[in-house]
Amino acid sequence: QVQLVESGGGLVQAGGSLRLSCTASGRTFSSYAMGWFRQASGKEREFVASISRGGGTTVYADSVKGRFTISRDNAKNTVYLQMNSLKPDDTAVYYCATKLFGRDDDFSAYRYWGQGTQVTVSP
């Protein structure tokens, strides 16, 4: 069992930045690839970014490439999502999750999920 807790969400103006954190319980964090997803009101959950167990491989959704950066610190059991040049379309609840197998952008490939953190970007 892995418990994930996200933090760092909030209200920001368009063009601003936020850094999300996701801290995992337990001693198996480094054995999981990790991902960030988001879900806007009335929309399906969508993939944002993923990172391999060691941090050497990252994957991004086209909508966030060049603006968002995923990273991890296995010593701190934490994965981060640095979000720059935020747009109103980035408004959503952001979730982190542990990846078991399968496509990075497929939410069914992920097992444990956090409770989410709200990000709101004003025009």
C-alpha atoms as a PDB file:
ATOM      1  CA  GLN A   1       0.000   0.000   0.000  1.00  0.00           C
ATOM      2  CA  VAL A   2       1.263   3.438  -0.937  1.00  0.00           C
ATOM      3  CA  GLN A   3      -0.314   6.672   0.209  1.00  0.00           C
ATOM      4  CA  LEU A   4       0.218   9.791  -1.842  1.00  0.00           C
ATOM      5  CA  VAL A   5      -0.366  13.358  -0.695  1.00  0.00           C
ATOM      6  CA  GLU A   6      -0.292  16.249  -3.146  1.00  0.00           C
ATOM      7  CA  SER A   7       0.325  19.857  -2.200  1.00  0.00           C
ATOM      8  CA  GLY A   8       1.201  23.172  -3.777  1.00  0.00           C
ATOM      9  CA  GLY A   9      -1.981  23.978  -5.644  1.00  0.00           C
ATOM     10  CA  GLY A  10      -3.634  27.368  -5.513  1.00  0.00           C
ATOM     11  CA  LEU A  11      -4.845  30.374  -7.443  1.00  0.00           C
ATOM     12  CA  VAL A  12      -2.461  32.050  -9.877  1.00  0.00           C
ATOM     13  CA  GLN A  13      -2.766  34.526 -12.712  1.00  0.00           C
ATOM     14  CA  ALA A  14      -2.159  33.499 -16.298  1.00  0.00           C
ATOM     15  CA  GLY A  15       1.553  33.484 -17.030  1.00  0.00           C
ATOM     16  CA  GLY A  16       2.418  32.605 -13.459  1.00  0.00           C
ATOM     17  CA  SER A  17       4.034  29.527 -11.973  1.00  0.00           C
ATOM     18  CA  LEU A  18       3.288  26.885  -9.376  1.00  0.00           C
ATOM     19  CA  ARG A  19       5.169  23.867  -8.145  1.00  0.00           C
ATOM     20  CA  LEU A  20       3.191  20.824  -7.081  1.00  0.00           C
ATOM     21  CA  SER A  21       4.598  18.204  -4.755  1.00  0.00           C
ATOM     22  CA  CYS A  22       3.500  14.641  -4.166  1.00  0.00           C
ATOM     23  CA  THR A  23       4.935  12.815  -1.186  1.00  0.00           C
ATOM     24  CA  ALA A  24       4.605   9.060  -0.797  1.00  0.00           C
ATOM     25  CA  SER A  25       4.514   6.949   2.318  1.00  0.00           C
ATOM     26  CA  GLY A  26       6.479   3.744   2.611  1.00  0.00           C
ATOM     27  CA  ARG A  27       9.887   2.645   1.447  1.00  0.00           C
ATOM     28  CA  THR A  28       9.011   1.508  -2.076  1.00  0.00           C
ATOM     29  CA  PHE A  29       8.711   4.907  -3.747  1.00  0.00           C
ATOM     30  CA  SER A  30      11.823   4.453  -5.860  1.00  0.00           C
ATOM     31  CA  SER A  31      10.433   1.233  -7.310  1.00  0.00           C
ATOM     32  CA  TYR A  32       7.585   3.081  -9.029  1.00  0.00           C
ATOM     33  CA  ALA A  33       7.445   5.244 -12.072  1.00  0.00           C
ATOM     34  CA  MET A  34       5.209   8.197 -11.269  1.00  0.00           C
ATOM     35  CA  GLY A  35       2.719  10.263 -13.153  1.00  0.00           C
ATOM     36  CA  TRP A  36       0.685  13.426 -12.912  1.00  0.00           C
ATOM     37  CA  PHE A  37      -2.842  13.642 -14.287  1.00  0.00           C
ATOM     38  CA  ARG A  38      -5.409  16.403 -14.145  1.00  0.00           C
ATOM     39  CA  GLN A  39      -9.161  16.645 -14.313  1.00  0.00           C
ATOM     40  CA  ALA A  40     -11.022  19.805 -15.151  1.00  0.00           C
ATOM     41  CA  SER A  41     -14.607  20.244 -14.097  1.00  0.00           C
ATOM     42  CA  GLY A  42     -16.906  18.270 -16.392  1.00  0.00           C
ATOM     43  CA  LYS A  43     -14.018  16.660 -18.277  1.00  0.00           C
ATOM     44  CA  GLU A  44     -12.230  13.339 -18.198  1.00  0.00           C
ATOM     45  CA  ARG A  45      -8.995  12.851 -16.350  1.00  0.00           C
ATOM     46  CA  GLU A  46      -6.053  13.490 -18.662  1.00  0.00           C
ATOM     47  CA  PHE A  47      -2.379  12.658 -18.591  1.00  0.00           C
ATOM     48  CA  VAL A  48       0.064  15.463 -17.863  1.00  0.00           C
ATOM     49  CA  ALA A  49       3.514  13.961 -17.326  1.00  0.00           C
ATOM     50  CA  SER A  50       5.354  10.882 -16.110  1.00  0.00           C
ATOM     51  CA  ILE A  51       8.810  10.054 -14.854  1.00  0.00           C
ATOM     52  CA  SER A  52      10.728   6.797 -14.647  1.00  0.00           C
ATOM     53  CA  ARG A  53      11.854   5.228 -11.392  1.00  0.00           C
ATOM     54  CA  GLY A  54      15.310   6.742 -11.538  1.00  0.00           C
ATOM     55  CA  GLY A  55      14.159  10.017 -13.059  1.00  0.00           C
ATOM     56  CA  GLY A  56      16.073   9.602 -16.301  1.00  0.00           C
ATOM     57  CA  THR A  57      13.050   9.366 -18.583  1.00  0.00           C
ATOM     58  CA  THR A  58      10.175  11.812 -18.707  1.00  0.00           C
ATOM     59  CA  VAL A  59       7.083  11.982 -20.888  1.00  0.00           C
ATOM     60  CA  TYR A  60       4.786  14.965 -21.358  1.00  0.00           C
ATOM     61  CA  ALA A  61       1.416  15.651 -22.862  1.00  0.00           C
ATOM     62  CA  ASP A  62       1.684  17.904 -25.892  1.00  0.00           C
ATOM     63  CA  SER A  63      -0.402  20.530 -24.137  1.00  0.00           C
ATOM     64  CA  VAL A  64       2.237  21.081 -21.439  1.00  0.00           C
ATOM     65  CA  LYS A  65       5.515  20.429 -23.262  1.00  0.00           C
ATOM     66  CA  GLY A  66       7.958  23.246 -22.765  1.00  0.00           C
ATOM     67  CA  ARG A  67       5.967  24.684 -19.846  1.00  0.00           C
ATOM     68  CA  PHE A  68       5.837  21.906 -17.240  1.00  0.00           C
ATOM     69  CA  THR A  69       8.706  19.896 -15.781  1.00  0.00           C
ATOM     70  CA  ILE A  70       8.361  16.689 -13.795  1.00  0.00           C
ATOM     71  CA  SER A  71      11.124  15.632 -11.431  1.00  0.00           C
ATOM     72  CA  ARG A  72      11.590  13.417  -8.401  1.00  0.00           C
ATOM     73  CA  ASP A  73      13.703  13.090  -5.295  1.00  0.00           C
ATOM     74  CA  ASN A  74      13.752   9.469  -4.210  1.00  0.00           C
ATOM     75  CA  ALA A  75      15.519  10.328  -0.973  1.00  0.00           C
ATOM     76  CA  LYS A  76      12.495  12.449  -0.042  1.00  0.00           C
ATOM     77  CA  ASN A  77       9.873  10.115  -1.534  1.00  0.00           C
ATOM     78  CA  THR A  78       8.601  13.075  -3.531  1.00  0.00           C
ATOM     79  CA  VAL A  79       7.714  13.818  -7.123  1.00  0.00           C
ATOM     80  CA  TYR A  80       7.320  17.393  -8.345  1.00  0.00           C
ATOM     81  CA  LEU A  81       5.544  19.171 -11.142  1.00  0.00           C
ATOM     82  CA  GLN A  82       6.930  22.606 -11.946  1.00  0.00           C
ATOM     83  CA  MET A  83       4.331  24.519 -13.936  1.00  0.00           C
ATOM     84  CA  ASN A  84       5.338  27.691 -15.750  1.00  0.00           C
ATOM     85  CA  SER A  85       3.514  29.985 -18.164  1.00  0.00           C
ATOM     86  CA  LEU A  86       0.216  28.799 -16.793  1.00  0.00           C
ATOM     87  CA  LYS A  87      -2.943  29.267 -18.833  1.00  0.00           C
ATOM     88  CA  PRO A  88      -6.607  29.289 -17.800  1.00  0.00           C
ATOM     89  CA  ASP A  89      -6.938  25.937 -19.624  1.00  0.00           C
ATOM     90  CA  ASP A  90      -4.569  24.447 -17.037  1.00  0.00           C
ATOM     91  CA  THR A  91      -7.242  24.890 -14.364  1.00  0.00           C
ATOM     92  CA  ALA A  92      -7.987  21.471 -12.907  1.00  0.00           C
ATOM     93  CA  VAL A  93      -7.504  19.161  -9.974  1.00  0.00           C
ATOM     94  CA  TYR A  94      -4.050  17.637 -10.290  1.00  0.00           C
ATOM     95  CA  TYR A  95      -3.371  14.086  -9.159  1.00  0.00           C
ATOM     96  CA  CYS A  96      -0.194  12.104  -8.774  1.00  0.00           C
ATOM     97  CA  ALA A  97      -0.142   8.331  -9.116  1.00  0.00           C
ATOM     98  CA  THR A  98       2.168   5.334  -9.062  1.00  0.00           C
ATOM     99  CA  LYS A  99       2.594   3.592 -12.413  1.00  0.00           C
ATOM    100  CA  LEU A 100       2.595  -0.204 -12.570  1.00  0.00           C
ATOM    101  CA  PHE A 101       2.777  -1.036 -16.278  1.00  0.00           C
ATOM    102  CA  GLY A 102       1.420   0.034 -19.616  1.00  0.00           C
ATOM    103  CA  ARG A 103       1.225   3.308 -21.453  1.00  0.00           C
ATOM    104  CA  ASP A 104       2.338   6.412 -19.611  1.00  0.00           C
ATOM    105  CA  ASP A 105      -0.762   8.293 -20.717  1.00  0.00           C
ATOM    106  CA  ASP A 106      -3.235   5.556 -19.747  1.00  0.00           C
ATOM    107  CA  PHE A 107      -4.691   6.147 -16.272  1.00  0.00           C
ATOM    108  CA  SER A 108      -5.487   2.417 -15.959  1.00  0.00           C
ATOM    109  CA  ALA A 109      -1.721   1.775 -15.850  1.00  0.00           C
ATOM    110  CA  TYR A 110      -1.569   3.532 -12.501  1.00  0.00           C
ATOM    111  CA  ARG A 111      -2.475   2.006  -9.187  1.00  0.00           C
ATOM    112  CA  TYR A 112      -2.251   4.323  -6.210  1.00  0.00           C
ATOM    113  CA  TRP A 113      -3.621   7.849  -6.451  1.00  0.00           C
ATOM    114  CA  GLY A 114      -3.462  10.917  -4.264  1.00  0.00           C
ATOM    115  CA  GLN A 115      -6.486  12.978  -3.299  1.00  0.00           C
ATOM    116  CA  GLY A 116      -5.632  15.779  -5.699  1.00  0.00           C
ATOM    117  CA  THR A 117      -4.782  19.449  -5.383  1.00  0.00           C
ATOM    118  CA  GLN A 118      -6.717  22.257  -7.051  1.00  0.00           C
ATOM    119  CA  VAL A 119      -4.961  24.559  -9.486  1.00  0.00           C
ATOM    120  CA  THR A 120      -6.895  27.583 -10.685  1.00  0.00           C
ATOM    121  CA  VAL A 121      -5.475  29.952 -13.298  1.00  0.00           C
ATOM    122  CA  SER A 122      -7.239  33.271 -13.717  1.00  0.00           C
ATOM    123  CA  PRO A 123      -7.182  35.181 -17.033  1.00  0.00           C
END
